[in-house]
Amino acid sequence: MPTPQLIFEVHYPVTGDPRAVSLASGGVLGVHADFLNAWDQEALEREVRVCLNGDNVCGVVSNRATG
């Protein structure tokens, strides 16, 4: 079954030894984020139909044009 993928990257400038960096939640790999779905409903339904139900890889990964 296809699963939607959400990628969220944050780059912080680090001075000093980057191995000494830690987050309030622990190490740098244990992050937490919340997601709020604010898609336009028609666009969301089109993406589900074309990408998920159509068994296609869509978005940045496939360089598919949006619109």
N, C-alpha and C. Protein backbone atom coordinates (compact mmCIF):
# COMPACT_ATOMS: atom_id res chain seq x y z
N MET A 1 0.84 -1.18 0.00
CA MET A 1 0.00 0.00 0.00
C MET A 1 0.89 1.24 0.00
N PRO A 2 0.66 2.18 -0.90
CA PRO A 2 1.47 3.41 -0.93
C PRO A 2 1.31 4.23 0.35
N THR A 3 2.38 4.85 0.75
CA THR A 3 2.37 5.69 1.94
C THR A 3 2.88 7.07 1.59
N PRO A 4 2.11 8.12 1.92
CA PRO A 4 2.61 9.47 1.63
C PRO A 4 3.86 9.77 2.45
N GLN A 5 4.73 10.56 1.88
CA GLN A 5 5.98 10.91 2.55
C GLN A 5 6.04 12.41 2.74
N LEU A 6 6.37 12.82 3.93
CA LEU A 6 6.53 14.23 4.23
C LEU A 6 7.96 14.44 4.70
N ILE A 7 8.68 15.31 4.02
CA ILE A 7 10.07 15.60 4.38
C ILE A 7 10.14 17.03 4.89
N PHE A 8 10.76 17.18 6.03
CA PHE A 8 10.92 18.50 6.64
C PHE A 8 12.37 18.60 7.10
N GLU A 9 13.14 19.43 6.44
CA GLU A 9 14.55 19.59 6.79
C GLU A 9 14.77 20.96 7.39
N VAL A 10 15.56 20.98 8.44
CA VAL A 10 15.95 22.24 9.06
C VAL A 10 17.47 22.25 9.17
N HIS A 11 18.08 23.31 8.70
CA HIS A 11 19.52 23.45 8.80
C HIS A 11 19.84 24.62 9.72
N TYR A 12 20.59 24.34 10.76
CA TYR A 12 21.00 25.38 11.69
C TYR A 12 22.50 25.62 11.55
N PRO A 13 22.93 26.86 11.55
CA PRO A 13 24.37 27.11 11.54
C PRO A 13 24.96 26.70 12.90
N VAL A 14 26.05 25.97 12.85
CA VAL A 14 26.68 25.47 14.08
C VAL A 14 28.10 25.99 14.13
N THR A 15 28.44 26.58 15.24
CA THR A 15 29.83 26.98 15.46
C THR A 15 30.42 26.04 16.49
N GLY A 16 31.66 25.70 16.34
CA GLY A 16 32.29 24.77 17.26
C GLY A 16 32.13 23.34 16.77
N ASP A 17 32.28 22.40 17.68
CA ASP A 17 32.23 20.97 17.37
C ASP A 17 30.78 20.53 17.18
N PRO A 18 30.37 20.12 15.95
CA PRO A 18 28.98 19.72 15.73
C PRO A 18 28.58 18.46 16.50
N ARG A 19 29.56 17.66 16.93
CA ARG A 19 29.23 16.46 17.71
C ARG A 19 28.71 16.82 19.09
N ALA A 20 28.91 18.05 19.52
CA ALA A 20 28.44 18.48 20.83
C ALA A 20 27.00 19.00 20.80
N VAL A 21 26.40 19.03 19.62
CA VAL A 21 25.04 19.55 19.48
C VAL A 21 24.04 18.54 20.00
N SER A 22 23.07 19.02 20.76
CA SER A 22 21.95 18.18 21.19
C SER A 22 20.70 19.05 21.22
N LEU A 23 19.57 18.39 21.14
CA LEU A 23 18.29 19.07 21.17
C LEU A 23 17.65 18.89 22.54
N ALA A 24 16.64 19.68 22.83
CA ALA A 24 15.94 19.55 24.10
C ALA A 24 15.35 18.15 24.27
N SER A 25 15.00 17.49 23.14
CA SER A 25 14.42 16.14 23.19
C SER A 25 15.49 15.05 23.24
N GLY A 26 16.76 15.43 23.21
CA GLY A 26 17.84 14.45 23.23
C GLY A 26 18.78 14.68 22.07
N GLY A 27 19.24 13.59 21.45
CA GLY A 27 20.17 13.68 20.33
C GLY A 27 19.53 14.32 19.11
N VAL A 28 20.32 14.57 18.09
CA VAL A 28 19.83 15.25 16.88
C VAL A 28 18.94 14.36 16.02
N LEU A 29 18.90 13.07 16.26
CA LEU A 29 18.05 12.18 15.47
C LEU A 29 16.70 11.92 16.12
N GLY A 30 16.49 12.43 17.31
CA GLY A 30 15.24 12.19 18.03
C GLY A 30 14.33 13.40 18.05
N VAL A 31 14.08 13.98 16.90
CA VAL A 31 13.29 15.20 16.84
C VAL A 31 11.79 14.89 16.87
N HIS A 32 11.00 15.91 17.14
CA HIS A 32 9.55 15.80 17.17
C HIS A 32 8.98 16.98 16.40
N ALA A 33 7.94 16.73 15.64
CA ALA A 33 7.26 17.81 14.92
C ALA A 33 5.78 17.51 14.87
N ASP A 34 4.97 18.53 14.77
CA ASP A 34 3.54 18.37 14.59
C ASP A 34 3.21 18.69 13.15
N PHE A 35 2.11 18.14 12.67
CA PHE A 35 1.68 18.35 11.28
C PHE A 35 0.26 18.85 11.29
N LEU A 36 0.01 19.91 10.57
CA LEU A 36 -1.33 20.47 10.42
C LEU A 36 -1.69 20.38 8.94
N ASN A 37 -2.74 19.66 8.62
CA ASN A 37 -3.16 19.50 7.23
C ASN A 37 -3.97 20.71 6.82
N ALA A 38 -3.42 21.51 5.90
CA ALA A 38 -4.12 22.70 5.41
C ALA A 38 -4.20 22.69 3.88
N TRP A 39 -4.19 21.50 3.30
CA TRP A 39 -4.26 21.37 1.85
C TRP A 39 -5.59 21.91 1.33
N ASP A 40 -5.56 22.45 0.14
CA ASP A 40 -6.77 22.71 -0.62
C ASP A 40 -7.39 21.34 -0.90
N GLN A 41 -8.65 21.13 -0.56
CA GLN A 41 -9.26 19.81 -0.64
C GLN A 41 -9.21 19.21 -2.04
N GLU A 42 -9.46 20.01 -3.07
CA GLU A 42 -9.41 19.49 -4.45
C GLU A 42 -8.00 19.05 -4.82
N ALA A 43 -7.00 19.83 -4.43
CA ALA A 43 -5.61 19.47 -4.72
C ALA A 43 -5.22 18.19 -3.99
N LEU A 44 -5.65 18.06 -2.75
CA LEU A 44 -5.35 16.86 -1.97
C LEU A 44 -5.98 15.63 -2.62
N GLU A 45 -7.24 15.74 -3.01
CA GLU A 45 -7.92 14.61 -3.65
C GLU A 45 -7.25 14.24 -4.97
N ARG A 46 -6.78 15.23 -5.74
CA ARG A 46 -6.08 14.96 -6.99
C ARG A 46 -4.77 14.22 -6.71
N GLU A 47 -4.01 14.66 -5.71
CA GLU A 47 -2.75 13.98 -5.37
C GLU A 47 -3.00 12.55 -4.92
N VAL A 48 -4.02 12.33 -4.12
CA VAL A 48 -4.35 10.97 -3.68
C VAL A 48 -4.72 10.12 -4.89
N ARG A 49 -5.54 10.64 -5.78
CA ARG A 49 -5.98 9.89 -6.96
C ARG A 49 -4.81 9.58 -7.89
N VAL A 50 -4.01 10.61 -8.22
CA VAL A 50 -2.93 10.45 -9.20
C VAL A 50 -1.73 9.72 -8.61
N CYS A 51 -1.34 10.09 -7.40
CA CYS A 51 -0.10 9.56 -6.82
C CYS A 51 -0.31 8.28 -6.02
N LEU A 52 -1.12 8.35 -4.98
CA LEU A 52 -1.28 7.17 -4.12
C LEU A 52 -2.09 6.07 -4.80
N ASN A 53 -3.29 6.42 -5.27
CA ASN A 53 -4.13 5.40 -5.89
C ASN A 53 -3.65 5.03 -7.29
N GLY A 54 -2.90 5.92 -7.94
CA GLY A 54 -2.36 5.64 -9.27
C GLY A 54 -1.03 4.93 -9.23
N ASP A 55 -0.54 4.62 -8.01
CA ASP A 55 0.74 3.92 -7.82
C ASP A 55 1.89 4.65 -8.51
N ASN A 56 1.90 6.00 -8.38
CA ASN A 56 2.95 6.83 -8.96
C ASN A 56 3.75 7.50 -7.86
N VAL A 57 5.02 7.73 -8.11
CA VAL A 57 5.84 8.52 -7.22
C VAL A 57 5.72 9.96 -7.69
N CYS A 58 5.22 10.83 -6.84
CA CYS A 58 4.96 12.21 -7.23
C CYS A 58 5.75 13.18 -6.35
N GLY A 59 5.81 14.41 -6.79
CA GLY A 59 6.43 15.45 -5.99
C GLY A 59 7.88 15.66 -6.34
N VAL A 60 8.62 16.19 -5.40
CA VAL A 60 10.02 16.56 -5.62
C VAL A 60 10.85 15.34 -6.00
N VAL A 61 10.57 14.21 -5.38
CA VAL A 61 11.37 13.01 -5.62
C VAL A 61 11.35 12.63 -7.10
N SER A 62 10.19 12.76 -7.74
CA SER A 62 10.09 12.38 -9.14
C SER A 62 10.25 13.56 -10.09
N ASN A 63 10.43 14.77 -9.53
CA ASN A 63 10.52 15.99 -10.32
C ASN A 63 9.28 16.23 -11.16
N ARG A 64 8.14 15.73 -10.69
CA ARG A 64 6.89 15.92 -11.41
C ARG A 64 6.47 17.37 -11.28
N ALA A 65 6.10 17.97 -12.37
CA ALA A 65 5.66 19.37 -12.35
C ALA A 65 4.38 19.49 -11.55
N THR A 66 4.28 20.53 -10.77
CA THR A 66 3.06 20.76 -10.00
C THR A 66 2.17 21.70 -10.75
N GLY A 67 0.89 21.69 -10.43
CA GLY A 67 0.01 22.66 -11.05
C GLY A 67 -1.38 22.22 -11.22
